[in-house]
Amino acid sequence: MADDDDDDICSNPFFVALQSTNRALLSEAAAKGALLCVPKAGSCQVEAMIQQDYRSYAILQSPFFVGMYDSLDGRQVASLI
């Protein structure tokens, strides 16, 4: 593993904030089998995020379209890979 904290999810500011302030969202995402997209450290201002912002990072595979996902905040997300 690189020395850079970006590779360590346990020190990622987004993930740390999610664990400490949004346990209900983590439980909901786990219960629904959602994927959690964790942004690279420093790429978003965690201090300015509200609950709804975090919901956009939990996604479920679309039952209708290949490569499409639905976030827990109701947005559709396309896979670029």
C-alpha atoms as a PDB file:
ATOM      1  CA  MET A   1       0.000   0.000   0.000  1.00  0.00           C
ATOM      2  CA  ALA A   2       1.223   3.488  -0.775  1.00  0.00           C
ATOM      3  CA  ASP A   3       2.111   5.915   1.990  1.00  0.00           C
ATOM      4  CA  ASP A   4      -0.622   8.234   0.739  1.00  0.00           C
ATOM      5  CA  ASP A   5      -3.732   8.359   2.955  1.00  0.00           C
ATOM      6  CA  ASP A   6      -5.931   8.221  -0.170  1.00  0.00           C
ATOM      7  CA  ASP A   7      -5.429   4.456  -0.190  1.00  0.00           C
ATOM      8  CA  ASP A   8      -6.550   4.001   3.420  1.00  0.00           C
ATOM      9  CA  ILE A   9     -10.332   4.103   3.702  1.00  0.00           C
ATOM     10  CA  CYS A  10     -10.105   4.247   7.507  1.00  0.00           C
ATOM     11  CA  SER A  11      -8.507   7.706   7.303  1.00  0.00           C
ATOM     12  CA  ASN A  12     -10.573   9.018   4.376  1.00  0.00           C
ATOM     13  CA  PRO A  13     -12.406  12.153   5.659  1.00  0.00           C
ATOM     14  CA  PHE A  14     -15.614  11.275   3.785  1.00  0.00           C
ATOM     15  CA  PHE A  15     -15.729   7.736   5.181  1.00  0.00           C
ATOM     16  CA  VAL A  16     -14.807   8.851   8.717  1.00  0.00           C
ATOM     17  CA  ALA A  17     -17.606  11.469   8.667  1.00  0.00           C
ATOM     18  CA  LEU A  18     -20.044   8.931   7.231  1.00  0.00           C
ATOM     19  CA  GLN A  19     -19.265   6.449  10.008  1.00  0.00           C
ATOM     20  CA  SER A  20     -19.442   9.013  12.794  1.00  0.00           C
ATOM     21  CA  THR A  21     -22.538  10.975  11.757  1.00  0.00           C
ATOM     22  CA  ASN A  22     -24.536   8.795   9.369  1.00  0.00           C
ATOM     23  CA  ARG A  23     -24.809   5.320  10.875  1.00  0.00           C
ATOM     24  CA  ALA A  24     -28.460   5.059   9.778  1.00  0.00           C
ATOM     25  CA  LEU A  25     -27.436   5.636   6.163  1.00  0.00           C
ATOM     26  CA  LEU A  26     -24.728   2.970   6.404  1.00  0.00           C
ATOM     27  CA  SER A  27     -27.283   0.520   7.805  1.00  0.00           C
ATOM     28  CA  GLU A  28     -29.806   1.370   5.075  1.00  0.00           C
ATOM     29  CA  ALA A  29     -27.191   0.988   2.341  1.00  0.00           C
ATOM     30  CA  ALA A  30     -26.068  -2.366   3.731  1.00  0.00           C
ATOM     31  CA  ALA A  31     -29.642  -3.632   4.058  1.00  0.00           C
ATOM     32  CA  LYS A  32     -30.383  -2.717   0.429  1.00  0.00           C
ATOM     33  CA  GLY A  33     -27.077  -4.104  -0.864  1.00  0.00           C
ATOM     34  CA  ALA A  34     -25.937  -0.712  -2.119  1.00  0.00           C
ATOM     35  CA  LEU A  35     -22.426   0.070  -3.266  1.00  0.00           C
ATOM     36  CA  LEU A  36     -20.774   2.903  -1.383  1.00  0.00           C
ATOM     37  CA  CYS A  37     -18.723   5.244  -3.564  1.00  0.00           C
ATOM     38  CA  VAL A  38     -16.040   6.889  -1.442  1.00  0.00           C
ATOM     39  CA  PRO A  39     -14.498   9.955  -3.079  1.00  0.00           C
ATOM     40  CA  LYS A  40     -10.756  10.451  -3.016  1.00  0.00           C
ATOM     41  CA  ALA A  41      -9.572  12.305   0.086  1.00  0.00           C
ATOM     42  CA  GLY A  42      -9.620  16.033  -0.503  1.00  0.00           C
ATOM     43  CA  SER A  43     -11.940  15.898  -3.504  1.00  0.00           C
ATOM     44  CA  CYS A  44     -15.009  17.095  -1.602  1.00  0.00           C
ATOM     45  CA  GLN A  45     -15.663  19.390   1.337  1.00  0.00           C
ATOM     46  CA  VAL A  46     -16.943  16.989   3.958  1.00  0.00           C
ATOM     47  CA  GLU A  47     -17.611  19.818   6.426  1.00  0.00           C
ATOM     48  CA  ALA A  48     -20.192  21.340   4.053  1.00  0.00           C
ATOM     49  CA  MET A  49     -22.048  18.089   3.317  1.00  0.00           C
ATOM     50  CA  ILE A  50     -25.548  17.393   4.574  1.00  0.00           C
ATOM     51  CA  GLN A  51     -27.360  14.048   4.948  1.00  0.00           C
ATOM     52  CA  GLN A  52     -28.810  14.209   1.424  1.00  0.00           C
ATOM     53  CA  ASP A  53     -25.330  14.677  -0.047  1.00  0.00           C
ATOM     54  CA  TYR A  54     -24.144  11.427   1.515  1.00  0.00           C
ATOM     55  CA  ARG A  55     -27.134   9.553   0.058  1.00  0.00           C
ATOM     56  CA  SER A  56     -25.895  10.308  -3.462  1.00  0.00           C
ATOM     57  CA  TYR A  57     -22.764   8.207  -2.812  1.00  0.00           C
ATOM     58  CA  ALA A  58     -24.741   5.011  -2.071  1.00  0.00           C
ATOM     59  CA  ILE A  59     -25.876   3.402  -5.321  1.00  0.00           C
ATOM     60  CA  LEU A  60     -27.945   0.399  -6.371  1.00  0.00           C
ATOM     61  CA  GLN A  61     -27.694  -1.347  -9.722  1.00  0.00           C
ATOM     62  CA  SER A  62     -30.624  -0.418 -11.959  1.00  0.00           C
ATOM     63  CA  PRO A  63     -33.042  -3.299 -12.472  1.00  0.00           C
ATOM     64  CA  PHE A  64     -33.728  -2.019 -15.995  1.00  0.00           C
ATOM     65  CA  PHE A  65     -30.483  -0.781 -17.566  1.00  0.00           C
ATOM     66  CA  VAL A  66     -27.013  -2.311 -17.764  1.00  0.00           C
ATOM     67  CA  GLY A  67     -24.335   0.046 -16.448  1.00  0.00           C
ATOM     68  CA  MET A  68     -26.874   2.314 -14.759  1.00  0.00           C
ATOM     69  CA  TYR A  69     -27.329   2.845 -11.045  1.00  0.00           C
ATOM     70  CA  ASP A  70     -29.833   4.603  -8.823  1.00  0.00           C
ATOM     71  CA  SER A  71     -28.494   6.525  -5.849  1.00  0.00           C
ATOM     72  CA  LEU A  72     -30.337   6.479  -2.542  1.00  0.00           C
ATOM     73  CA  ASP A  73     -31.233  10.127  -3.120  1.00  0.00           C
ATOM     74  CA  GLY A  74     -33.127   9.192  -6.311  1.00  0.00           C
ATOM     75  CA  ARG A  75     -30.612  10.194  -8.955  1.00  0.00           C
ATOM     76  CA  GLN A  76     -29.571   8.005 -11.870  1.00  0.00           C
ATOM     77  CA  VAL A  77     -25.855   7.366 -12.301  1.00  0.00           C
ATOM     78  CA  ALA A  78     -24.101   5.926 -15.350  1.00  0.00           C
ATOM     79  CA  SER A  79     -20.986   3.794 -15.122  1.00  0.00           C
ATOM     80  CA  LEU A  80     -18.115   5.145 -17.186  1.00  0.00           C
ATOM     81  CA  ILE A  81     -16.102   1.940 -17.021  1.00  0.00           C
END
